[in-house]
Amino acid sequence: SSEIIYLVNRDKIYVDVNIDEVDIKEISLGQQAEITFDAYPELKLSALIDSISPLATGMGGITVVEVTLQLIQSDPRIMSGFSAEVEITVEEVHNVVRVPTEAVAEREGMHFVLLMNENEPQMTMVRVGRANDEYIEVLSGLKENDRIAANAYQILEQFQQQAGGAEGRGGMFPGMPGRGGGGGMRQLAPH
Protein backbone atom coordinates (compact mmCIF):
# COMPACT_ATOMS: atom_id res chain seq x y z
CA SER A 1 0.00 0.00 0.00
CA SER A 2 1.16 3.57 -0.55
CA GLU A 3 0.71 6.70 1.52
CA ILE A 4 -2.11 8.91 0.34
CA ILE A 5 -2.16 11.82 2.78
CA TYR A 6 0.07 13.51 5.36
CA LEU A 7 -1.47 15.08 8.44
CA VAL A 8 0.43 18.02 9.89
CA ASN A 9 -0.50 19.57 13.22
CA ARG A 10 0.30 23.28 12.93
CA ASP A 11 -0.70 23.95 16.54
CA LYS A 12 2.61 22.61 17.80
CA ILE A 13 5.65 22.82 15.56
CA TYR A 14 8.85 21.09 16.62
CA VAL A 15 12.39 21.47 15.34
CA ASP A 16 15.01 18.75 15.84
CA VAL A 17 18.66 19.76 16.06
CA ASN A 18 21.83 17.76 16.69
CA ILE A 19 24.09 19.20 19.39
CA ASP A 20 27.76 18.19 19.58
CA GLU A 21 28.51 16.14 22.69
CA VAL A 22 31.04 18.73 23.91
CA ASP A 23 28.29 21.38 23.98
CA ILE A 24 25.46 19.31 25.47
CA LYS A 25 26.45 20.23 29.04
CA GLU A 26 25.25 23.78 28.25
CA ILE A 27 21.78 22.61 27.18
CA SER A 28 18.77 22.13 29.48
CA LEU A 29 15.01 21.80 29.20
CA GLY A 30 13.15 25.09 28.88
CA GLN A 31 16.09 27.08 27.46
CA GLN A 32 15.17 29.71 24.93
CA ALA A 33 16.24 29.59 21.32
CA GLU A 34 15.77 31.58 18.15
CA ILE A 35 15.07 29.76 14.89
CA THR A 36 15.71 31.12 11.40
CA PHE A 37 14.36 29.14 8.47
CA ASP A 38 16.41 28.90 5.27
CA ALA A 39 13.27 29.54 3.19
CA TYR A 40 12.54 32.79 5.08
CA PRO A 41 15.83 34.17 6.48
CA GLU A 42 14.16 37.39 7.66
CA LEU A 43 11.74 35.39 9.86
CA LYS A 44 13.03 34.69 13.38
CA LEU A 45 10.83 32.63 15.67
CA SER A 46 11.25 31.94 19.38
CA ALA A 47 11.34 28.39 20.71
CA LEU A 48 11.97 26.46 23.92
CA ILE A 49 13.91 23.23 24.39
CA ASP A 50 11.24 20.57 24.79
CA SER A 51 13.30 17.37 25.04
CA ILE A 52 16.88 16.08 25.06
CA SER A 53 17.51 12.57 23.80
CA PRO A 54 18.98 10.19 26.39
CA LEU A 55 21.13 8.65 23.61
CA ALA A 56 24.13 10.05 21.78
CA THR A 57 24.77 8.95 18.19
CA GLY A 58 27.64 9.18 15.75
CA MET A 59 27.20 11.48 12.79
CA GLY A 60 29.93 12.26 10.28
CA GLY A 61 32.78 11.51 12.69
CA ILE A 62 31.36 13.40 15.66
CA THR A 63 29.04 12.37 18.46
CA VAL A 64 25.79 14.30 18.73
CA VAL A 65 22.69 14.41 20.91
CA GLU A 66 19.30 15.15 19.37
CA VAL A 67 17.48 18.07 20.98
CA THR A 68 13.87 18.94 20.17
CA LEU A 69 12.59 22.51 20.35
CA GLN A 70 8.98 23.65 20.29
CA LEU A 71 8.13 26.93 18.59
CA ILE A 72 6.52 29.43 20.96
CA GLN A 73 4.84 31.24 18.11
CA SER A 74 4.18 29.91 14.64
CA ASP A 75 3.89 31.31 11.16
CA PRO A 76 1.67 29.92 8.40
CA ARG A 77 4.60 29.97 5.96
CA ILE A 78 6.52 27.32 7.94
CA MET A 79 6.24 23.82 6.50
CA SER A 80 7.15 20.45 7.91
CA GLY A 81 10.60 19.43 6.64
CA PHE A 82 12.07 22.95 6.30
CA SER A 83 15.76 23.47 7.08
CA ALA A 84 16.53 25.92 9.86
CA GLU A 85 19.34 27.48 11.84
CA VAL A 86 18.95 27.32 15.61
CA GLU A 87 20.62 29.66 18.10
CA ILE A 88 20.21 28.48 21.69
CA THR A 89 20.73 31.02 24.48
CA VAL A 90 22.96 29.28 27.03
CA GLU A 91 23.78 32.35 29.10
CA GLU A 92 22.96 36.04 29.13
CA VAL A 93 25.31 38.62 30.59
CA HIS A 94 24.60 42.30 31.05
CA ASN A 95 26.69 45.41 31.70
CA VAL A 96 29.92 44.06 30.25
CA VAL A 97 32.46 45.48 27.83
CA ARG A 98 32.34 43.37 24.68
CA VAL A 99 34.04 43.66 21.32
CA PRO A 100 33.68 41.81 18.01
CA THR A 101 35.74 38.60 18.08
CA GLU A 102 37.76 39.71 15.05
CA ALA A 103 38.91 42.76 17.04
CA VAL A 104 40.94 40.50 19.37
CA ALA A 105 44.22 38.87 18.39
CA GLU A 106 45.84 36.11 20.41
CA ARG A 107 49.57 35.39 20.61
CA GLU A 108 51.21 32.90 22.97
CA GLY A 109 48.15 32.76 25.23
CA MET A 110 47.81 36.54 25.53
CA HIS A 111 45.03 38.60 23.95
CA PHE A 112 45.46 41.99 22.30
CA VAL A 113 43.40 44.72 20.68
CA LEU A 114 44.52 47.73 18.69
CA LEU A 115 43.43 50.69 20.79
CA MET A 116 43.13 53.94 18.84
CA ASN A 117 44.97 56.69 20.73
CA GLU A 118 44.80 60.00 18.86
CA ASN A 119 44.19 58.02 15.65
CA GLU A 120 47.35 55.97 16.19
CA PRO A 121 46.75 52.26 16.80
CA GLN A 122 48.46 51.00 19.93
CA MET A 123 48.67 47.33 20.83
CA THR A 124 46.97 46.84 24.19
CA MET A 125 46.81 43.61 26.16
CA VAL A 126 43.34 42.63 27.40
CA ARG A 127 42.00 39.89 29.64
CA VAL A 128 39.04 38.19 28.02
CA GLY A 129 36.07 36.25 29.38
CA ARG A 130 33.11 34.58 27.74
CA ALA A 131 32.69 34.56 23.98
CA ASN A 132 30.27 33.51 21.29
CA ASP A 133 30.53 33.53 17.51
CA GLU A 134 30.23 37.31 17.33
CA TYR A 135 31.52 38.90 20.53
CA ILE A 136 34.10 38.41 23.24
CA GLU A 137 33.85 39.87 26.73
CA VAL A 138 36.76 42.08 27.83
CA LEU A 139 37.34 41.79 31.59
CA SER A 140 40.21 44.28 31.77
CA GLY A 141 42.37 46.40 29.50
CA LEU A 142 39.56 48.43 27.95
CA LYS A 143 36.86 50.67 29.23
CA GLU A 144 33.53 51.67 27.79
CA ASN A 145 33.81 54.05 24.81
CA ASP A 146 37.45 53.17 24.00
CA ARG A 147 37.94 53.07 20.25
CA ILE A 148 39.57 49.97 18.80
CA ALA A 149 40.38 48.64 15.34
CA ALA A 150 37.60 46.28 14.30
CA ASN A 151 39.90 43.74 12.65
CA ALA A 152 43.00 43.56 14.85
CA TYR A 153 43.76 39.97 13.96
CA GLN A 154 44.08 40.73 10.23
CA ILE A 155 46.06 43.92 10.83
CA LEU A 156 48.50 42.12 13.13
CA GLU A 157 48.95 39.29 10.60
CA GLN A 158 49.71 41.83 7.84
CA PHE A 159 52.08 43.71 10.11
CA GLN A 160 54.01 40.57 11.02
CA GLN A 161 54.41 39.68 7.34
CA GLN A 162 55.65 43.20 6.54
CA ALA A 163 57.91 43.35 9.60
CA GLY A 164 59.62 40.02 8.84
CA GLY A 165 62.96 41.69 8.10
CA ALA A 166 62.53 44.69 10.37
CA GLU A 167 65.28 43.63 12.84
CA GLY A 168 64.01 45.26 15.98
CA ARG A 169 62.54 48.39 14.38
CA GLY A 170 59.37 49.72 15.93
CA GLY A 171 57.24 49.20 12.84
CA MET A 172 53.98 50.96 12.17
CA PHE A 173 52.32 50.39 15.56
CA PRO A 174 53.72 51.82 18.78
CA GLY A 175 54.48 49.05 21.22
CA MET A 176 54.93 46.49 18.44
CA PRO A 177 58.58 45.71 17.82
CA GLY A 178 59.59 44.13 14.54
CA ARG A 179 60.52 40.47 14.32
CA GLY A 180 64.13 39.54 14.44
CA GLY A 181 66.78 40.55 16.98
CA GLY A 182 64.37 42.34 19.32
CA GLY A 183 61.60 39.95 18.26
CA GLY A 184 58.09 39.23 19.37
CA MET A 185 55.35 41.39 20.74
CA ARG A 186 55.90 43.48 23.80
CA GLN A 187 53.34 43.02 26.52
CA LEU A 188 51.73 46.33 27.34
CA ALA A 189 50.20 47.30 30.63
CA PRO A 190 46.42 47.21 30.52
CA HIS A 191 44.86 50.53 29.52
C-alpha atoms as a PDB file:
ATOM      1  CA  SER A   1       0.000   0.000   0.000  1.00  0.00           C
ATOM      2  CA  SER A   2       1.161   3.573  -0.549  1.00  0.00           C
ATOM      3  CA  GLU A   3       0.708   6.704   1.516  1.00  0.00           C
ATOM      4  CA  ILE A   4      -2.108   8.915   0.344  1.00  0.00           C
ATOM      5  CA  ILE A   5      -2.157  11.817   2.784  1.00  0.00           C
ATOM      6  CA  TYR A   6       0.070  13.505   5.365  1.00  0.00           C
ATOM      7  CA  LEU A   7      -1.475  15.080   8.439  1.00  0.00           C
ATOM      8  CA  VAL A   8       0.427  18.024   9.886  1.00  0.00           C
ATOM      9  CA  ASN A   9      -0.500  19.574  13.221  1.00  0.00           C
ATOM     10  CA  ARG A  10       0.302  23.278  12.928  1.00  0.00           C
ATOM     11  CA  ASP A  11      -0.699  23.949  16.545  1.00  0.00           C
ATOM     12  CA  LYS A  12       2.614  22.610  17.805  1.00  0.00           C
ATOM     13  CA  ILE A  13       5.647  22.819  15.562  1.00  0.00           C
ATOM     14  CA  TYR A  14       8.852  21.092  16.616  1.00  0.00           C
ATOM     15  CA  VAL A  15      12.395  21.469  15.341  1.00  0.00           C
ATOM     16  CA  ASP A  16      15.013  18.753  15.836  1.00  0.00           C
ATOM     17  CA  VAL A  17      18.659  19.763  16.058  1.00  0.00           C
ATOM     18  CA  ASN A  18      21.832  17.760  16.688  1.00  0.00           C
ATOM     19  CA  ILE A  19      24.091  19.196  19.393  1.00  0.00           C
ATOM     20  CA  ASP A  20      27.762  18.194  19.579  1.00  0.00           C
ATOM     21  CA  GLU A  21      28.507  16.137  22.686  1.00  0.00           C
ATOM     22  CA  VAL A  22      31.036  18.735  23.906  1.00  0.00           C
ATOM     23  CA  ASP A  23      28.289  21.379  23.982  1.00  0.00           C
ATOM     24  CA  ILE A  24      25.455  19.307  25.466  1.00  0.00           C
ATOM     25  CA  LYS A  25      26.449  20.232  29.039  1.00  0.00           C
ATOM     26  CA  GLU A  26      25.253  23.779  28.247  1.00  0.00           C
ATOM     27  CA  ILE A  27      21.784  22.611  27.181  1.00  0.00           C
ATOM     28  CA  SER A  28      18.768  22.134  29.484  1.00  0.00           C
ATOM     29  CA  LEU A  29      15.010  21.804  29.203  1.00  0.00           C
ATOM     30  CA  GLY A  30      13.154  25.092  28.878  1.00  0.00           C
ATOM     31  CA  GLN A  31      16.086  27.077  27.465  1.00  0.00           C
ATOM     32  CA  GLN A  32      15.173  29.712  24.933  1.00  0.00           C
ATOM     33  CA  ALA A  33      16.244  29.593  21.319  1.00  0.00           C
ATOM     34  CA  GLU A  34      15.773  31.578  18.146  1.00  0.00           C
ATOM     35  CA  ILE A  35      15.075  29.764  14.888  1.00  0.00           C
ATOM     36  CA  THR A  36      15.714  31.125  11.405  1.00  0.00           C
ATOM     37  CA  PHE A  37      14.363  29.136   8.469  1.00  0.00           C
ATOM     38  CA  ASP A  38      16.406  28.900   5.269  1.00  0.00           C
ATOM     39  CA  ALA A  39      13.267  29.541   3.189  1.00  0.00           C
ATOM     40  CA  TYR A  40      12.539  32.793   5.085  1.00  0.00           C
ATOM     41  CA  PRO A  41      15.826  34.166   6.479  1.00  0.00           C
ATOM     42  CA  GLU A  42      14.156  37.386   7.662  1.00  0.00           C
ATOM     43  CA  LEU A  43      11.745  35.390   9.858  1.00  0.00           C
ATOM     44  CA  LYS A  44      13.030  34.693  13.377  1.00  0.00           C
ATOM     45  CA  LEU A  45      10.828  32.633  15.672  1.00  0.00           C
ATOM     46  CA  SER A  46      11.245  31.938  19.377  1.00  0.00           C
ATOM     47  CA  ALA A  47      11.342  28.386  20.711  1.00  0.00           C
ATOM     48  CA  LEU A  48      11.969  26.461  23.924  1.00  0.00           C
ATOM     49  CA  ILE A  49      13.909  23.232  24.394  1.00  0.00           C
ATOM     50  CA  ASP A  50      11.242  20.574  24.789  1.00  0.00           C
ATOM     51  CA  SER A  51      13.304  17.372  25.037  1.00  0.00           C
ATOM     52  CA  ILE A  52      16.876  16.083  25.056  1.00  0.00           C
ATOM     53  CA  SER A  53      17.510  12.573  23.798  1.00  0.00           C
ATOM     54  CA  PRO A  54      18.979  10.187  26.387  1.00  0.00           C
ATOM     55  CA  LEU A  55      21.126   8.655  23.613  1.00  0.00           C
ATOM     56  CA  ALA A  56      24.131  10.047  21.779  1.00  0.00           C
ATOM     57  CA  THR A  57      24.768   8.950  18.194  1.00  0.00           C
ATOM     58  CA  GLY A  58      27.645   9.176  15.753  1.00  0.00           C
ATOM     59  CA  MET A  59      27.200  11.480  12.793  1.00  0.00           C
ATOM     60  CA  GLY A  60      29.935  12.262  10.278  1.00  0.00           C
ATOM     61  CA  GLY A  61      32.778  11.505  12.687  1.00  0.00           C
ATOM     62  CA  ILE A  62      31.358  13.396  15.660  1.00  0.00           C
ATOM     63  CA  THR A  63      29.043  12.371  18.456  1.00  0.00           C
ATOM     64  CA  VAL A  64      25.792  14.305  18.730  1.00  0.00           C
ATOM     65  CA  VAL A  65      22.692  14.405  20.913  1.00  0.00           C
ATOM     66  CA  GLU A  66      19.297  15.148  19.375  1.00  0.00           C
ATOM     67  CA  VAL A  67      17.482  18.071  20.981  1.00  0.00           C
ATOM     68  CA  THR A  68      13.871  18.937  20.165  1.00  0.00           C
ATOM     69  CA  LEU A  69      12.592  22.508  20.352  1.00  0.00           C
ATOM     70  CA  GLN A  70       8.984  23.655  20.286  1.00  0.00           C
ATOM     71  CA  LEU A  71       8.133  26.928  18.595  1.00  0.00           C
ATOM     72  CA  ILE A  72       6.515  29.429  20.959  1.00  0.00           C
ATOM     73  CA  GLN A  73       4.836  31.239  18.111  1.00  0.00           C
ATOM     74  CA  SER A  74       4.180  29.907  14.639  1.00  0.00           C
ATOM     75  CA  ASP A  75       3.890  31.309  11.156  1.00  0.00           C
ATOM     76  CA  PRO A  76       1.667  29.922   8.403  1.00  0.00           C
ATOM     77  CA  ARG A  77       4.600  29.969   5.958  1.00  0.00           C
ATOM     78  CA  ILE A  78       6.524  27.322   7.941  1.00  0.00           C
ATOM     79  CA  MET A  79       6.240  23.824   6.499  1.00  0.00           C
ATOM     80  CA  SER A  80       7.153  20.454   7.907  1.00  0.00           C
ATOM     81  CA  GLY A  81      10.599  19.430   6.644  1.00  0.00           C
ATOM     82  CA  PHE A  82      12.071  22.946   6.304  1.00  0.00           C
ATOM     83  CA  SER A  83      15.757  23.469   7.084  1.00  0.00           C
ATOM     84  CA  ALA A  84      16.526  25.919   9.858  1.00  0.00           C
ATOM     85  CA  GLU A  85      19.341  27.482  11.842  1.00  0.00           C
ATOM     86  CA  VAL A  86      18.951  27.320  15.611  1.00  0.00           C
ATOM     87  CA  GLU A  87      20.616  29.658  18.095  1.00  0.00           C
ATOM     88  CA  ILE A  88      20.214  28.485  21.688  1.00  0.00           C
ATOM     89  CA  THR A  89      20.733  31.017  24.481  1.00  0.00           C
ATOM     90  CA  VAL A  90      22.957  29.281  27.029  1.00  0.00           C
ATOM     91  CA  GLU A  91      23.776  32.354  29.105  1.00  0.00           C
ATOM     92  CA  GLU A  92      22.960  36.041  29.130  1.00  0.00           C
ATOM     93  CA  VAL A  93      25.307  38.619  30.587  1.00  0.00           C
ATOM     94  CA  HIS A  94      24.598  42.297  31.053  1.00  0.00           C
ATOM     95  CA  ASN A  95      26.685  45.411  31.703  1.00  0.00           C
ATOM     96  CA  VAL A  96      29.921  44.062  30.252  1.00  0.00           C
ATOM     97  CA  VAL A  97      32.456  45.479  27.826  1.00  0.00           C
ATOM     98  CA  ARG A  98      32.340  43.366  24.682  1.00  0.00           C
ATOM     99  CA  VAL A  99      34.039  43.664  21.319  1.00  0.00           C
ATOM    100  CA  PRO A 100      33.683  41.813  18.015  1.00  0.00           C
ATOM    101  CA  THR A 101      35.735  38.598  18.083  1.00  0.00           C
ATOM    102  CA  GLU A 102      37.756  39.708  15.047  1.00  0.00           C
ATOM    103  CA  ALA A 103      38.910  42.762  17.040  1.00  0.00           C
ATOM    104  CA  VAL A 104      40.935  40.502  19.369  1.00  0.00           C
ATOM    105  CA  ALA A 105      44.217  38.872  18.388  1.00  0.00           C
ATOM    106  CA  GLU A 106      45.836  36.111  20.409  1.00  0.00           C
ATOM    107  CA  ARG A 107      49.566  35.386  20.607  1.00  0.00           C
ATOM    108  CA  GLU A 108      51.213  32.904  22.970  1.00  0.00           C
ATOM    109  CA  GLY A 109      48.151  32.762  25.229  1.00  0.00           C
ATOM    110  CA  MET A 110      47.813  36.544  25.529  1.00  0.00           C
ATOM    111  CA  HIS A 111      45.028  38.598  23.954  1.00  0.00           C
ATOM    112  CA  PHE A 112      45.464  41.989  22.304  1.00  0.00           C
ATOM    113  CA  VAL A 113      43.402  44.721  20.683  1.00  0.00           C
ATOM    114  CA  LEU A 114      44.521  47.727  18.692  1.00  0.00           C
ATOM    115  CA  LEU A 115      43.429  50.695  20.787  1.00  0.00           C
ATOM    116  CA  MET A 116      43.133  53.938  18.838  1.00  0.00           C
ATOM    117  CA  ASN A 117      44.969  56.691  20.732  1.00  0.00           C
ATOM    118  CA  GLU A 118      44.795  60.000  18.862  1.00  0.00           C
ATOM    119  CA  ASN A 119      44.187  58.018  15.651  1.00  0.00           C
ATOM    120  CA  GLU A 120      47.348  55.971  16.188  1.00  0.00           C
ATOM    121  CA  PRO A 121      46.754  52.261  16.799  1.00  0.00           C
ATOM    122  CA  GLN A 122      48.464  50.996  19.932  1.00  0.00           C
ATOM    123  CA  MET A 123      48.668  47.330  20.829  1.00  0.00           C
ATOM    124  CA  THR A 124      46.968  46.838  24.190  1.00  0.00           C
ATOM    125  CA  MET A 125      46.806  43.611  26.158  1.00  0.00           C
ATOM    126  CA  VAL A 126      43.342  42.631  27.397  1.00  0.00           C
ATOM    127  CA  ARG A 127      41.998  39.893  29.637  1.00  0.00           C
ATOM    128  CA  VAL A 128      39.037  38.190  28.023  1.00  0.00           C
ATOM    129  CA  GLY A 129      36.075  36.252  29.379  1.00  0.00           C
ATOM    130  CA  ARG A 130      33.107  34.585  27.743  1.00  0.00           C
ATOM    131  CA  ALA A 131      32.689  34.563  23.982  1.00  0.00           C
ATOM    132  CA  ASN A 132      30.270  33.511  21.290  1.00  0.00           C
ATOM    133  CA  ASP A 133      30.534  33.525  17.509  1.00  0.00           C
ATOM    134  CA  GLU A 134      30.230  37.309  17.328  1.00  0.00           C
ATOM    135  CA  TYR A 135      31.520  38.900  20.530  1.00  0.00           C
ATOM    136  CA  ILE A 136      34.099  38.409  23.238  1.00  0.00           C
ATOM    137  CA  GLU A 137      33.848  39.869  26.727  1.00  0.00           C
ATOM    138  CA  VAL A 138      36.764  42.076  27.830  1.00  0.00           C
ATOM    139  CA  LEU A 139      37.341  41.790  31.587  1.00  0.00           C
ATOM    140  CA  SER A 140      40.214  44.278  31.769  1.00  0.00           C
ATOM    141  CA  GLY A 141      42.372  46.396  29.501  1.00  0.00           C
ATOM    142  CA  LEU A 142      39.565  48.435  27.946  1.00  0.00           C
ATOM    143  CA  LYS A 143      36.862  50.669  29.229  1.00  0.00           C
ATOM    144  CA  GLU A 144      33.535  51.667  27.790  1.00  0.00           C
ATOM    145  CA  ASN A 145      33.809  54.051  24.814  1.00  0.00           C
ATOM    146  CA  ASP A 146      37.445  53.171  24.001  1.00  0.00           C
ATOM    147  CA  ARG A 147      37.944  53.066  20.247  1.00  0.00           C
ATOM    148  CA  ILE A 148      39.575  49.970  18.800  1.00  0.00           C
ATOM    149  CA  ALA A 149      40.375  48.639  15.342  1.00  0.00           C
ATOM    150  CA  ALA A 150      37.602  46.281  14.301  1.00  0.00           C
ATOM    151  CA  ASN A 151      39.899  43.741  12.649  1.00  0.00           C
ATOM    152  CA  ALA A 152      42.999  43.561  14.852  1.00  0.00           C
ATOM    153  CA  TYR A 153      43.760  39.967  13.960  1.00  0.00           C
ATOM    154  CA  GLN A 154      44.076  40.733  10.228  1.00  0.00           C
ATOM    155  CA  ILE A 155      46.056  43.919  10.829  1.00  0.00           C
ATOM    156  CA  LEU A 156      48.504  42.115  13.134  1.00  0.00           C
ATOM    157  CA  GLU A 157      48.953  39.293  10.597  1.00  0.00           C
ATOM    158  CA  GLN A 158      49.705  41.827   7.837  1.00  0.00           C
ATOM    159  CA  PHE A 159      52.080  43.706  10.110  1.00  0.00           C
ATOM    160  CA  GLN A 160      54.008  40.570  11.021  1.00  0.00           C
ATOM    161  CA  GLN A 161      54.407  39.681   7.344  1.00  0.00           C
ATOM    162  CA  GLN A 162      55.655  43.198   6.538  1.00  0.00           C
ATOM    163  CA  ALA A 163      57.914  43.345   9.602  1.00  0.00           C
ATOM    164  CA  GLY A 164      59.618  40.024   8.842  1.00  0.00           C
ATOM    165  CA  GLY A 165      62.959  41.690   8.101  1.00  0.00           C
ATOM    166  CA  ALA A 166      62.533  44.687  10.374  1.00  0.00           C
ATOM    167  CA  GLU A 167      65.277  43.628  12.844  1.00  0.00           C
ATOM    168  CA  GLY A 168      64.008  45.265  15.981  1.00  0.00           C
ATOM    169  CA  ARG A 169      62.540  48.395  14.379  1.00  0.00           C
ATOM    170  CA  GLY A 170      59.370  49.721  15.925  1.00  0.00           C
ATOM    171  CA  GLY A 171      57.238  49.202  12.841  1.00  0.00           C
ATOM    172  CA  MET A 172      53.980  50.955  12.168  1.00  0.00           C
ATOM    173  CA  PHE A 173      52.325  50.390  15.560  1.00  0.00           C
ATOM    174  CA  PRO A 174      53.718  51.825  18.785  1.00  0.00           C
ATOM    175  CA  GLY A 175      54.477  49.052  21.216  1.00  0.00           C
ATOM    176  CA  MET A 176      54.925  46.493  18.445  1.00  0.00           C
ATOM    177  CA  PRO A 177      58.578  45.711  17.825  1.00  0.00           C
ATOM    178  CA  GLY A 178      59.590  44.133  14.539  1.00  0.00           C
ATOM    179  CA  ARG A 179      60.516  40.471  14.318  1.00  0.00           C
ATOM    180  CA  GLY A 180      64.131  39.539  14.439  1.00  0.00           C
ATOM    181  CA  GLY A 181      66.775  40.552  16.980  1.00  0.00           C
ATOM    182  CA  GLY A 182      64.373  42.342  19.323  1.00  0.00           C
ATOM    183  CA  GLY A 183      61.600  39.948  18.261  1.00  0.00           C
ATOM    184  CA  GLY A 184      58.087  39.226  19.374  1.00  0.00           C
ATOM    185  CA  MET A 185      55.349  41.392  20.742  1.00  0.00           C
ATOM    186  CA  ARG A 186      55.902  43.477  23.797  1.00  0.00           C
ATOM    187  CA  GLN A 187      53.338  43.017  26.519  1.00  0.00           C
ATOM    188  CA  LEU A 188      51.728  46.334  27.337  1.00  0.00           C
ATOM    189  CA  ALA A 189      50.201  47.302  30.630  1.00  0.00           C
ATOM    190  CA  PRO A 190      46.416  47.205  30.516  1.00  0.00           C
ATOM    191  CA  HIS A 191      44.856  50.532  29.521  1.00  0.00           C
END
